[in-house]
C-alpha atoms as a PDB file:
ATOM      1  CA  MET A   1       0.000   0.000   0.000  1.00  0.00           C
ATOM      2  CA  ARG A   2       1.439   3.348  -0.991  1.00  0.00           C
ATOM      3  CA  ARG A   3       1.383   6.173   1.496  1.00  0.00           C
ATOM      4  CA  PRO A   4       1.401   9.862   0.617  1.00  0.00           C
ATOM      5  CA  VAL A   5       4.585  11.800   1.255  1.00  0.00           C
ATOM      6  CA  ARG A   6       3.524  13.552   4.449  1.00  0.00           C
ATOM      7  CA  TYR A   7       6.656  15.583   4.978  1.00  0.00           C
ATOM      8  CA  LEU A   8       7.225  17.291   1.614  1.00  0.00           C
ATOM      9  CA  PRO A   9       7.676  20.724   3.254  1.00  0.00           C
ATOM     10  CA  TRP A  10      10.572  19.320   5.281  1.00  0.00           C
ATOM     11  CA  LEU A  11      12.204  18.039   2.090  1.00  0.00           C
ATOM     12  CA  LEU A  12      12.048  21.554   0.651  1.00  0.00           C
ATOM     13  CA  VAL A  13      13.645  22.913   3.784  1.00  0.00           C
ATOM     14  CA  LEU A  14      16.472  20.376   3.537  1.00  0.00           C
ATOM     15  CA  CYS A  15      17.094  21.238  -0.102  1.00  0.00           C
ATOM     16  CA  LEU A  16      16.824  25.033   0.104  1.00  0.00           C
ATOM     17  CA  GLY A  17      17.178  26.203   3.638  1.00  0.00           C
ATOM     18  CA  SER A  18      20.619  25.246   4.926  1.00  0.00           C
ATOM     19  CA  ALA A  19      22.764  28.333   4.519  1.00  0.00           C
ATOM     20  CA  PRO A  20      24.414  29.838   7.636  1.00  0.00           C
ATOM     21  CA  PRO A  21      22.612  30.968  10.263  1.00  0.00           C
ATOM     22  CA  ALA A  22      22.758  28.545  10.398  1.00  0.00           C
ATOM     23  CA  PHE A  23      23.888  10.893   4.921  1.00  0.00           C
ATOM     24  CA  ALA A  24      23.796   8.618   1.876  1.00  0.00           C
ATOM     25  CA  GLU A  25      25.461   4.883   1.785  1.00  0.00           C
ATOM     26  CA  ALA A  26      26.850   3.954   0.680  1.00  0.00           C
ATOM     27  CA  ALA A  27      24.298   2.426   0.946  1.00  0.00           C
ATOM     28  CA  ASP A  28      26.461   0.455   1.529  1.00  0.00           C
ATOM     29  CA  ARG A  29      27.166   1.571   2.059  1.00  0.00           C
ATOM     30  CA  PRO A  30      28.899   0.597   1.903  1.00  0.00           C
ATOM     31  CA  ASP A  31      29.600   0.488   1.701  1.00  0.00           C
ATOM     32  CA  GLN A  32      31.078   1.084   4.861  1.00  0.00           C
ATOM     33  CA  ALA A  33      31.801   4.455   6.312  1.00  0.00           C
ATOM     34  CA  ASP A  34      35.335   4.438   4.922  1.00  0.00           C
ATOM     35  CA  ARG A  35      34.153   4.592   1.336  1.00  0.00           C
ATOM     36  CA  ALA A  36      31.771   2.476  -0.637  1.00  0.00           C
ATOM     37  CA  THR A  37      28.063   2.800  -0.215  1.00  0.00           C
ATOM     38  CA  ARG A  38      25.625   0.089  -0.964  1.00  0.00           C
ATOM     39  CA  ALA A  39      22.110   0.274  -2.156  1.00  0.00           C
ATOM     40  CA  ASP A  40      20.111  -1.028   0.656  1.00  0.00           C
ATOM     41  CA  GLU A  41      17.535  -3.116   2.060  1.00  0.00           C
ATOM     42  CA  THR A  42      19.502  -5.184   1.316  1.00  0.00           C
ATOM     43  CA  GLY A  43      20.119  -3.123   4.452  1.00  0.00           C
ATOM     44  CA  ARG A  44      22.061   0.003   4.007  1.00  0.00           C
ATOM     45  CA  VAL A  45      21.750   3.716   3.560  1.00  0.00           C
ATOM     46  CA  ALA A  46      24.034   5.465   1.099  1.00  0.00           C
ATOM     47  CA  PRO A  47      25.262   8.773   2.485  1.00  0.00           C
ATOM     48  CA  PRO A  48      27.912  10.967   0.868  1.00  0.00           C
ATOM     49  CA  ASP A  49      31.316   9.637   1.818  1.00  0.00           C
ATOM     50  CA  PRO A  50      33.794  12.246   3.021  1.00  0.00           C
ATOM     51  CA  ALA A  51      36.358   9.756   4.283  1.00  0.00           C
ATOM     52  CA  ASP A  52      39.063  11.225   2.060  1.00  0.00           C
ATOM     53  CA  ASP A  53      38.083  14.832   2.763  1.00  0.00           C
ATOM     54  CA  THR A  54      39.287  16.996   5.625  1.00  0.00           C
ATOM     55  CA  ILE A  55      36.328  18.301   7.605  1.00  0.00           C
ATOM     56  CA  ILE A  56      37.024  21.865   8.766  1.00  0.00           C
ATOM     57  CA  LEU A  57      35.051  24.862   9.907  1.00  0.00           C
ATOM     58  CA  GLY A  58      34.795  26.959   6.759  1.00  0.00           C
ATOM     59  CA  THR A  59      34.049  30.638   6.418  1.00  0.00           C
ATOM     60  CA  PRO A  60      30.735  31.642   4.775  1.00  0.00           C
ATOM     61  CA  SER A  61      31.517  31.275   1.054  1.00  0.00           C
ATOM     62  CA  PHE A  62      29.957  29.525  -1.918  1.00  0.00           C
ATOM     63  CA  SER A  63      31.428  27.214  -4.545  1.00  0.00           C
ATOM     64  CA  PHE A  64      29.842  24.748  -6.956  1.00  0.00           C
ATOM     65  CA  PHE A  65      30.855  21.184  -7.924  1.00  0.00           C
ATOM     66  CA  ASN A  66      34.072  21.224  -5.914  1.00  0.00           C
ATOM     67  CA  GLY A  67      34.030  17.636  -4.680  1.00  0.00           C
ATOM     68  CA  TYR A  68      33.023  14.230  -6.001  1.00  0.00           C
ATOM     69  CA  ARG A  69      33.632  10.578  -5.159  1.00  0.00           C
ATOM     70  CA  TYR A  70      32.906   7.397  -7.123  1.00  0.00           C
ATOM     71  CA  HIS A  71      33.181   3.665  -6.570  1.00  0.00           C
ATOM     72  CA  LEU A  72      32.842   0.406  -8.473  1.00  0.00           C
ATOM     73  CA  ASN A  73      32.501  -2.792  -6.417  1.00  0.00           C
ATOM     74  CA  ALA A  74      32.270  -6.450  -7.322  1.00  0.00           C
ATOM     75  CA  ALA A  75      32.287  -9.450  -4.997  1.00  0.00           C
ATOM     76  CA  SER A  76      31.711 -13.172  -5.063  1.00  0.00           C
ATOM     77  CA  LEU A  77      29.175 -14.390  -2.482  1.00  0.00           C
ATOM     78  CA  LEU A  78      30.142 -17.465  -0.482  1.00  0.00           C
ATOM     79  CA  GLY A  79      28.313 -19.735   1.953  1.00  0.00           C
ATOM     80  CA  PRO A  80      25.045 -21.718   2.247  1.00  0.00           C
ATOM     81  CA  ASP A  81      22.850 -18.665   1.560  1.00  0.00           C
ATOM     82  CA  ALA A  82      24.879 -17.807  -1.541  1.00  0.00           C
ATOM     83  CA  ASN A  83      22.960 -20.115  -3.877  1.00  0.00           C
ATOM     84  CA  GLU A  84      22.283 -19.997  -7.621  1.00  0.00           C
ATOM     85  CA  ARG A  85      20.196 -16.816  -7.150  1.00  0.00           C
ATOM     86  CA  PHE A  86      22.804 -15.034  -4.989  1.00  0.00           C
ATOM     87  CA  PHE A  87      26.223 -15.643  -6.456  1.00  0.00           C
ATOM     88  CA  TRP A  88      27.665 -12.209  -7.299  1.00  0.00           C
ATOM     89  CA  GLU A  89      27.132  -8.684  -5.996  1.00  0.00           C
ATOM     90  CA  ALA A  90      28.184  -5.504  -7.780  1.00  0.00           C
ATOM     91  CA  ASP A  91      27.445  -1.835  -7.414  1.00  0.00           C
ATOM     92  CA  VAL A  92      28.530   1.415  -8.994  1.00  0.00           C
ATOM     93  CA  GLY A  93      27.825   4.963  -7.949  1.00  0.00           C
ATOM     94  CA  GLY A  94      29.118   8.265  -6.733  1.00  0.00           C
ATOM     95  CA  ASP A  95      28.248  11.483  -5.018  1.00  0.00           C
ATOM     96  CA  LEU A  96      28.752  15.145  -5.893  1.00  0.00           C
ATOM     97  CA  ASP A  97      29.027  18.202  -3.663  1.00  0.00           C
ATOM     98  CA  VAL A  98      26.724  20.402  -5.732  1.00  0.00           C
ATOM     99  CA  LEU A  99      27.165  23.437  -3.486  1.00  0.00           C
ATOM    100  CA  ASP A 100      29.659  24.078  -0.704  1.00  0.00           C
ATOM    101  CA  TYR A 101      28.706  27.058   1.475  1.00  0.00           C
ATOM    102  CA  GLY A 102      31.713  27.001   3.774  1.00  0.00           C
ATOM    103  CA  ARG A 103      29.894  25.845   6.885  1.00  0.00           C
ATOM    104  CA  GLY A 104      28.457  22.855   5.041  1.00  0.00           C
ATOM    105  CA  ARG A 105      27.535  21.380   1.675  1.00  0.00           C
ATOM    106  CA  PHE A 106      24.608  20.217  -0.412  1.00  0.00           C
ATOM    107  CA  ASN A 107      25.261  16.738  -1.810  1.00  0.00           C
ATOM    108  CA  PHE A 108      23.633  14.487  -4.413  1.00  0.00           C
ATOM    109  CA  LEU A 109      24.293  10.724  -4.409  1.00  0.00           C
ATOM    110  CA  PHE A 110      23.363   7.952  -6.846  1.00  0.00           C
ATOM    111  CA  ASN A 111      24.053   4.229  -6.519  1.00  0.00           C
ATOM    112  CA  TYR A 112      23.044   1.159  -8.507  1.00  0.00           C
ATOM    113  CA  GLU A 113      23.481  -2.339  -7.082  1.00  0.00           C
ATOM    114  CA  ALA A 114      23.072  -5.558  -9.057  1.00  0.00           C
ATOM    115  CA  ILE A 115      22.576  -9.005  -7.553  1.00  0.00           C
ATOM    116  CA  LEU A 116      23.592 -11.779  -9.945  1.00  0.00           C
ATOM    117  CA  GLY A 117      22.928 -15.481  -9.847  1.00  0.00           C
ATOM    118  CA  LYS A 118      23.774 -18.355 -12.168  1.00  0.00           C
ATOM    119  CA  GLU A 119      20.344 -19.882 -12.853  1.00  0.00           C
ATOM    120  CA  LEU A 120      20.382 -19.165 -16.591  1.00  0.00           C
ATOM    121  CA  GLN A 121      24.015 -18.285 -17.225  1.00  0.00           C
ATOM    122  CA  LEU A 122      27.236 -17.618 -15.312  1.00  0.00           C
ATOM    123  CA  PHE A 123      26.413 -13.911 -14.811  1.00  0.00           C
ATOM    124  CA  ASP A 124      22.627 -13.702 -14.526  1.00  0.00           C
ATOM    125  CA  PRO A 125      21.412 -10.347 -13.099  1.00  0.00           C
ATOM    126  CA  ASN A 126      18.134 -10.897 -11.253  1.00  0.00           C
ATOM    127  CA  GLN A 127      17.872  -7.849  -8.986  1.00  0.00           C
ATOM    128  CA  GLY A 128      18.610  -4.151  -9.432  1.00  0.00           C
ATOM    129  CA  ASN A 129      18.486  -1.670  -6.552  1.00  0.00           C
ATOM    130  CA  TYR A 130      18.599   2.093  -7.115  1.00  0.00           C
ATOM    131  CA  THR A 131      19.448   4.621  -4.410  1.00  0.00           C
ATOM    132  CA  LEU A 132      19.069   8.409  -4.649  1.00  0.00           C
ATOM    133  CA  ASP A 133      20.069  10.664  -1.745  1.00  0.00           C
ATOM    134  CA  LEU A 134      19.911  14.390  -1.171  1.00  0.00           C
ATOM    135  CA  SER A 135      21.664  15.793   1.881  1.00  0.00           C
ATOM    136  CA  THR A 136      22.708  19.100   3.353  1.00  0.00           C
ATOM    137  CA  SER A 137      25.208  19.501   6.154  1.00  0.00           C
ATOM    138  CA  TRP A 138      26.607  21.765   8.866  1.00  0.00           C
ATOM    139  CA  ARG A 139      30.256  21.445   9.878  1.00  0.00           C
ATOM    140  CA  PHE A 140      31.502  21.595  13.458  1.00  0.00           C
ATOM    141  CA  ALA A 141      34.974  21.279  14.911  1.00  0.00           C
ATOM    142  CA  GLN A 142      33.923  17.841  16.182  1.00  0.00           C
ATOM    143  CA  GLY A 143      32.382  16.575  12.941  1.00  0.00           C
ATOM    144  CA  GLU A 144      29.565  17.124  10.442  1.00  0.00           C
ATOM    145  CA  VAL A 145      25.784  16.837  10.792  1.00  0.00           C
ATOM    146  CA  PHE A 146      23.619  16.034   7.748  1.00  0.00           C
ATOM    147  CA  GLY A 147      19.927  16.307   7.008  1.00  0.00           C
ATOM    148  CA  VAL A 148      19.161  13.434   4.620  1.00  0.00           C
ATOM    149  CA  PHE A 149      16.429  12.532   2.120  1.00  0.00           C
ATOM    150  CA  HIS A 150      16.852   8.889   1.069  1.00  0.00           C
ATOM    151  CA  HIS A 151      15.043   6.987  -1.711  1.00  0.00           C
ATOM    152  CA  VAL A 152      15.422   3.295  -2.636  1.00  0.00           C
ATOM    153  CA  SER A 153      13.710   1.470  -5.499  1.00  0.00           C
ATOM    154  CA  ARG A 154      14.083  -2.300  -6.015  1.00  0.00           C
ATOM    155  CA  HIS A 155      13.565  -4.052  -9.353  1.00  0.00           C
ATOM    156  CA  LEU A 156      13.757  -7.557 -10.780  1.00  0.00           C
ATOM    157  CA  GLY A 157      16.147  -8.121 -13.630  1.00  0.00           C
ATOM    158  CA  ASP A 158      14.851 -11.361 -15.121  1.00  0.00           C
ATOM    159  CA  ARG A 159      11.094 -11.479 -14.482  1.00  0.00           C
ATOM    160  CA  ALA A 160       8.033  -9.268 -14.367  1.00  0.00           C
ATOM    161  CA  LYS A 161       7.418  -7.207 -11.227  1.00  0.00           C
ATOM    162  CA  GLU A 162       3.695  -6.774 -10.564  1.00  0.00           C
ATOM    163  CA  VAL A 163       3.975  -4.348  -7.634  1.00  0.00           C
ATOM    164  CA  PRO A 164       6.283  -1.400  -6.975  1.00  0.00           C
ATOM    165  CA  ILE A 165       8.897  -1.878  -4.255  1.00  0.00           C
ATOM    166  CA  ASP A 166      10.266   1.426  -3.012  1.00  0.00           C
ATOM    167  CA  TRP A 167      10.422   3.754  -0.044  1.00  0.00           C
ATOM    168  CA  ASN A 168      11.397   7.283   0.962  1.00  0.00           C
ATOM    169  CA  MET A 169      13.065   8.184   4.249  1.00  0.00           C
ATOM    170  CA  MET A 170      14.189  11.380   5.946  1.00  0.00           C
ATOM    171  CA  GLY A 171      16.476  11.844   8.911  1.00  0.00           C
ATOM    172  CA  VAL A 172      19.850  12.922  10.247  1.00  0.00           C
ATOM    173  CA  ARG A 173      23.413  11.674  10.098  1.00  0.00           C
ATOM    174  CA  TYR A 174      26.423  12.512  12.260  1.00  0.00           C
ATOM    175  CA  LEU A 175      29.976  11.919  11.029  1.00  0.00           C
ATOM    176  CA  HIS A 176      33.224  12.225  12.971  1.00  0.00           C
ATOM    177  CA  VAL A 177      36.691  11.645  11.507  1.00  0.00           C
ATOM    178  CA  ARG A 178      39.863  11.553  13.587  1.00  0.00           C
ATOM    179  CA  ASP A 179      43.501  10.975  12.655  1.00  0.00           C
ATOM    180  CA  VAL A 180      45.725   9.352  15.260  1.00  0.00           C
ATOM    181  CA  GLY A 181      49.227   9.007  13.903  1.00  0.00           C
ATOM    182  CA  ARG A 182      49.062   6.653  10.923  1.00  0.00           C
ATOM    183  CA  LEU A 183      45.471   5.626  11.719  1.00  0.00           C
ATOM    184  CA  ARG A 184      42.298   7.350  10.475  1.00  0.00           C
ATOM    185  CA  VAL A 185      39.166   6.434  12.425  1.00  0.00           C
ATOM    186  CA  GLU A 186      35.696   7.323  11.209  1.00  0.00           C
ATOM    187  CA  SER A 187      32.519   6.956  13.264  1.00  0.00           C
ATOM    188  CA  ASP A 188      29.135   7.464  11.677  1.00  0.00           C
ATOM    189  CA  GLY A 189      25.544   7.316  12.909  1.00  0.00           C
ATOM    190  CA  VAL A 190      22.318   7.591  10.899  1.00  0.00           C
ATOM    191  CA  ILE A 191      18.641   7.593  11.874  1.00  0.00           C
ATOM    192  CA  LEU A 192      15.917   7.709   9.196  1.00  0.00           C
ATOM    193  CA  TRP A 193      12.120   7.703   9.351  1.00  0.00           C
ATOM    194  CA  THR A 194       9.914   6.443   6.519  1.00  0.00           C
ATOM    195  CA  THR A 195       7.725   9.038   4.816  1.00  0.00           C
ATOM    196  CA  ALA A 196       6.348   6.875   1.980  1.00  0.00           C
ATOM    197  CA  ARG A 197       6.564   3.183   1.127  1.00  0.00           C
ATOM    198  CA  SER A 198       5.330   0.494  -1.250  1.00  0.00           C
ATOM    199  CA  PHE A 199       5.415  -3.257  -0.492  1.00  0.00           C
ATOM    200  CA  VAL A 200       7.719  -2.876   2.536  1.00  0.00           C
ATOM    201  CA  ASP A 201       7.049  -2.545   6.263  1.00  0.00           C
ATOM    202  CA  TYR A 202       9.975  -0.288   7.218  1.00  0.00           C
ATOM    203  CA  GLU A 203       9.185   2.539   9.661  1.00  0.00           C
ATOM    204  CA  VAL A 204      12.517   3.649  11.128  1.00  0.00           C
ATOM    205  CA  LYS A 205      16.117   2.733  10.422  1.00  0.00           C
ATOM    206  CA  VAL A 206      19.180   3.194  12.630  1.00  0.00           C
ATOM    207  CA  ILE A 207      22.742   2.565  11.436  1.00  0.00           C
ATOM    208  CA  GLY A 208      26.032   2.680  13.324  1.00  0.00           C
ATOM    209  CA  ARG A 209      29.378   2.433  11.555  1.00  0.00           C
ATOM    210  CA  LEU A 210      33.002   2.379  12.642  1.00  0.00           C
ATOM    211  CA  SER A 211      35.877   2.149  10.178  1.00  0.00           C
ATOM    212  CA  GLY A 212      39.619   2.519  10.209  1.00  0.00           C
ATOM    213  CA  ARG A 213      42.394   2.940   7.692  1.00  0.00           C
ATOM    214  CA  TYR A 214      46.040   2.391   8.687  1.00  0.00           C
ATOM    215  CA  HIS A 215      48.889   3.905   6.665  1.00  0.00           C
ATOM    216  CA  LEU A 216      51.342   1.037   6.094  1.00  0.00           C
ATOM    217  CA  LYS A 217      53.183   2.656   3.175  1.00  0.00           C
ATOM    218  CA  ASP A 218      52.461   5.559   0.836  1.00  0.00           C
ATOM    219  CA  THR A 219      50.784   3.148  -1.586  1.00  0.00           C
ATOM    220  CA  ILE A 220      49.403   0.549   0.859  1.00  0.00           C
ATOM    221  CA  HIS A 221      46.790   1.024   3.581  1.00  0.00           C
ATOM    222  CA  GLY A 222      45.134  -1.567   5.792  1.00  0.00           C
ATOM    223  CA  ILE A 223      41.347  -1.164   6.055  1.00  0.00           C
ATOM    224  CA  ALA A 224      38.657  -2.513   8.369  1.00  0.00           C
ATOM    225  CA  SER A 225      35.047  -1.598   9.137  1.00  0.00           C
ATOM    226  CA  VAL A 226      31.974  -2.752  11.017  1.00  0.00           C
ATOM    227  CA  GLU A 227      28.342  -1.698  10.526  1.00  0.00           C
ATOM    228  CA  ILE A 228      25.200  -2.515  12.501  1.00  0.00           C
ATOM    229  CA  THR A 229      21.706  -1.865  11.088  1.00  0.00           C
ATOM    230  CA  THR A 230      18.364  -1.988  12.898  1.00  0.00           C
ATOM    231  CA  ILE A 231      15.029  -1.501  11.104  1.00  0.00           C
ATOM    232  CA  GLY A 232      11.818  -0.960  13.024  1.00  0.00           C
ATOM    233  CA  VAL A 233       8.793  -2.301  11.137  1.00  0.00           C
ATOM    234  CA  ASP A 234       5.014  -1.943  11.002  1.00  0.00           C
ATOM    235  CA  ARG A 235       3.872  -5.329  12.335  1.00  0.00           C
ATOM    236  CA  SER A 236       0.426  -4.944  10.793  1.00  0.00           C
ATOM    237  CA  VAL A 237       1.936  -5.361   7.293  1.00  0.00           C
ATOM    238  CA  ALA A 238       3.719  -8.742   7.547  1.00  0.00           C
ATOM    239  CA  GLY A 239       3.511  -9.680  11.232  1.00  0.00           C
ATOM    240  CA  ARG A 240       7.270  -9.696  11.779  1.00  0.00           C
ATOM    241  CA  ASP A 241       9.486  -8.082  14.408  1.00  0.00           C
ATOM    242  CA  THR A 242      12.379  -5.622  14.274  1.00  0.00           C
ATOM    243  CA  GLN A 243      14.967  -6.576  11.660  1.00  0.00           C
ATOM    244  CA  ARG A 244      18.715  -6.507  12.328  1.00  0.00           C
ATOM    245  CA  GLY A 245      21.648  -6.735   9.968  1.00  0.00           C
ATOM    246  CA  GLY A 246      25.392  -6.276  10.000  1.00  0.00           C
ATOM    247  CA  TYR A 247      28.544  -6.052   7.932  1.00  0.00           C
ATOM    248  CA  LEU A 248      32.183  -6.756   8.889  1.00  0.00           C
ATOM    249  CA  GLU A 249      35.084  -6.161   6.497  1.00  0.00           C
ATOM    250  CA  THR A 250      38.871  -6.294   6.427  1.00  0.00           C
ATOM    251  CA  GLY A 251      41.296  -5.817   3.579  1.00  0.00           C
ATOM    252  CA  VAL A 252      44.019  -3.764   1.976  1.00  0.00           C
ATOM    253  CA  ARG A 253      43.917  -0.577  -0.126  1.00  0.00           C
ATOM    254  CA  LEU A 254      46.415  -0.071  -2.954  1.00  0.00           C
ATOM    255  CA  LEU A 255      46.853   3.543  -4.058  1.00  0.00           C
ATOM    256  CA  SER A 256      48.172   5.276  -7.139  1.00  0.00           C
ATOM    257  CA  SER A 257      48.217   8.943  -8.080  1.00  0.00           C
ATOM    258  CA  GLN A 258      44.811   8.751  -9.812  1.00  0.00           C
ATOM    259  CA  ALA A 259      42.874   5.872  -8.258  1.00  0.00           C
ATOM    260  CA  ALA A 260      42.803   3.278  -5.512  1.00  0.00           C
ATOM    261  CA  ILE A 261      41.643  -0.311  -5.288  1.00  0.00           C
ATOM    262  CA  ASP A 262      40.474  -2.216  -2.219  1.00  0.00           C
ATOM    263  CA  LEU A 263      40.881  -5.976  -1.991  1.00  0.00           C
ATOM    264  CA  PHE A 264      38.572  -7.139   0.774  1.00  0.00           C
ATOM    265  CA  PHE A 265      36.987 -10.039   2.612  1.00  0.00           C
ATOM    266  CA  ALA A 266      33.666  -9.426   4.374  1.00  0.00           C
ATOM    267  CA  VAL A 267      30.820 -11.158   6.165  1.00  0.00           C
ATOM    268  CA  GLU A 268      27.305  -9.735   5.794  1.00  0.00           C
ATOM    269  CA  HIS A 269      23.954 -10.455   7.431  1.00  0.00           C
ATOM    270  CA  ARG A 270      21.642  -8.738   4.931  1.00  0.00           C
ATOM    271  CA  ILE A 271      18.075  -7.688   5.697  1.00  0.00           C
ATOM    272  CA  ASP A 272      15.553  -8.694   3.005  1.00  0.00           C
ATOM    273  CA  ALA A 273      18.142  -9.937   0.535  1.00  0.00           C
ATOM    274  CA  ASP A 274      15.254 -11.125  -1.651  1.00  0.00           C
ATOM    275  CA  ALA A 275      12.570  -8.524  -2.308  1.00  0.00           C
ATOM    276  CA  PHE A 276       9.726 -10.998  -1.649  1.00  0.00           C
ATOM    277  CA  GLU A 277      11.019 -13.516   0.924  1.00  0.00           C
ATOM    278  CA  GLY A 278      10.987 -11.195   3.922  1.00  0.00           C
ATOM    279  CA  ARG A 279      13.945 -12.843   5.654  1.00  0.00           C
ATOM    280  CA  PRO A 280      17.669 -12.093   6.038  1.00  0.00           C
ATOM    281  CA  ARG A 281      20.525 -13.995   4.447  1.00  0.00           C
ATOM    282  CA  THR A 282      24.126 -14.369   5.589  1.00  0.00           C
ATOM    283  CA  TRP A 283      27.164 -14.814   3.368  1.00  0.00           C
ATOM    284  CA  ALA A 284      30.868 -14.140   3.063  1.00  0.00           C
ATOM    285  CA  MET A 285      32.144 -11.813   0.341  1.00  0.00           C
ATOM    286  CA  LEU A 286      35.450 -11.778  -1.517  1.00  0.00           C
ATOM    287  CA  GLY A 287      35.909  -8.863  -3.870  1.00  0.00           C
ATOM    288  CA  PHE A 288      37.444  -5.596  -4.989  1.00  0.00           C
ATOM    289  CA  ARG A 289      36.451  -1.948  -4.912  1.00  0.00           C
ATOM    290  CA  LEU A 290      37.740   0.688  -7.375  1.00  0.00           C
ATOM    291  CA  LEU A 291      37.810   4.256  -6.012  1.00  0.00           C
ATOM    292  CA  ASP A 292      38.900   7.718  -7.000  1.00  0.00           C
ATOM    293  CA  ASN A 293      41.987   8.818  -5.095  1.00  0.00           C
END
């Protein structure tokens, strides 16, 4: 059942009303807070990723299109839940700082995730998940606070879809980045409330992330991250309880002057991996992630 967007005025405020005086995700994601964002539920929000940016208190000034980040991920899924319908995962996306006003920024994010099986052929895309985020932020000495509008739309790649599967959420995100010697630590919290939905029971979503990147050499960094997701649901829709998911990753980042690549191993407990099953799945992931540097 589709609900009307009850908070449209707040969306306009987020988009237009953030100048002084005065995320999203990704996704997955995150993928994780350190960089990649993943198109969720599936279970993740996809906020703009400032992990490679220095967060400072700026003076009131305006500049356009002065920051962007992109990623391309691919991973093999391993384990009992990684069957012929869930064999590969890939996503591509990026975010753009459309306007930086010194004390904050207005950001646009897009992400596309594909789930591939091997029912019909070796690479058989059967799901496509689209994420669109708009966010506006305010910088503090201790971090950055975002107002976030988050949209996810899920599609089937190899069969007809008789009902729409999508939802809109609005909420806040807090990001803190700290450098301690060779180690960069990023902590990230997000809370989102559903404003419209079709064929899902999500009401509120809370995400906590912690990631680290250790400088081994100029061209080699060690990376690790953990993410916990909790989704409160409307029990009258499907009769189920609060849903919980998680993601744990470790790996290495190889850097060049123009790009970087992560080689990673991860374990994920994904909420609603299938759009119609209504249950989580757990698998290991072995893959790579291509990033701008």
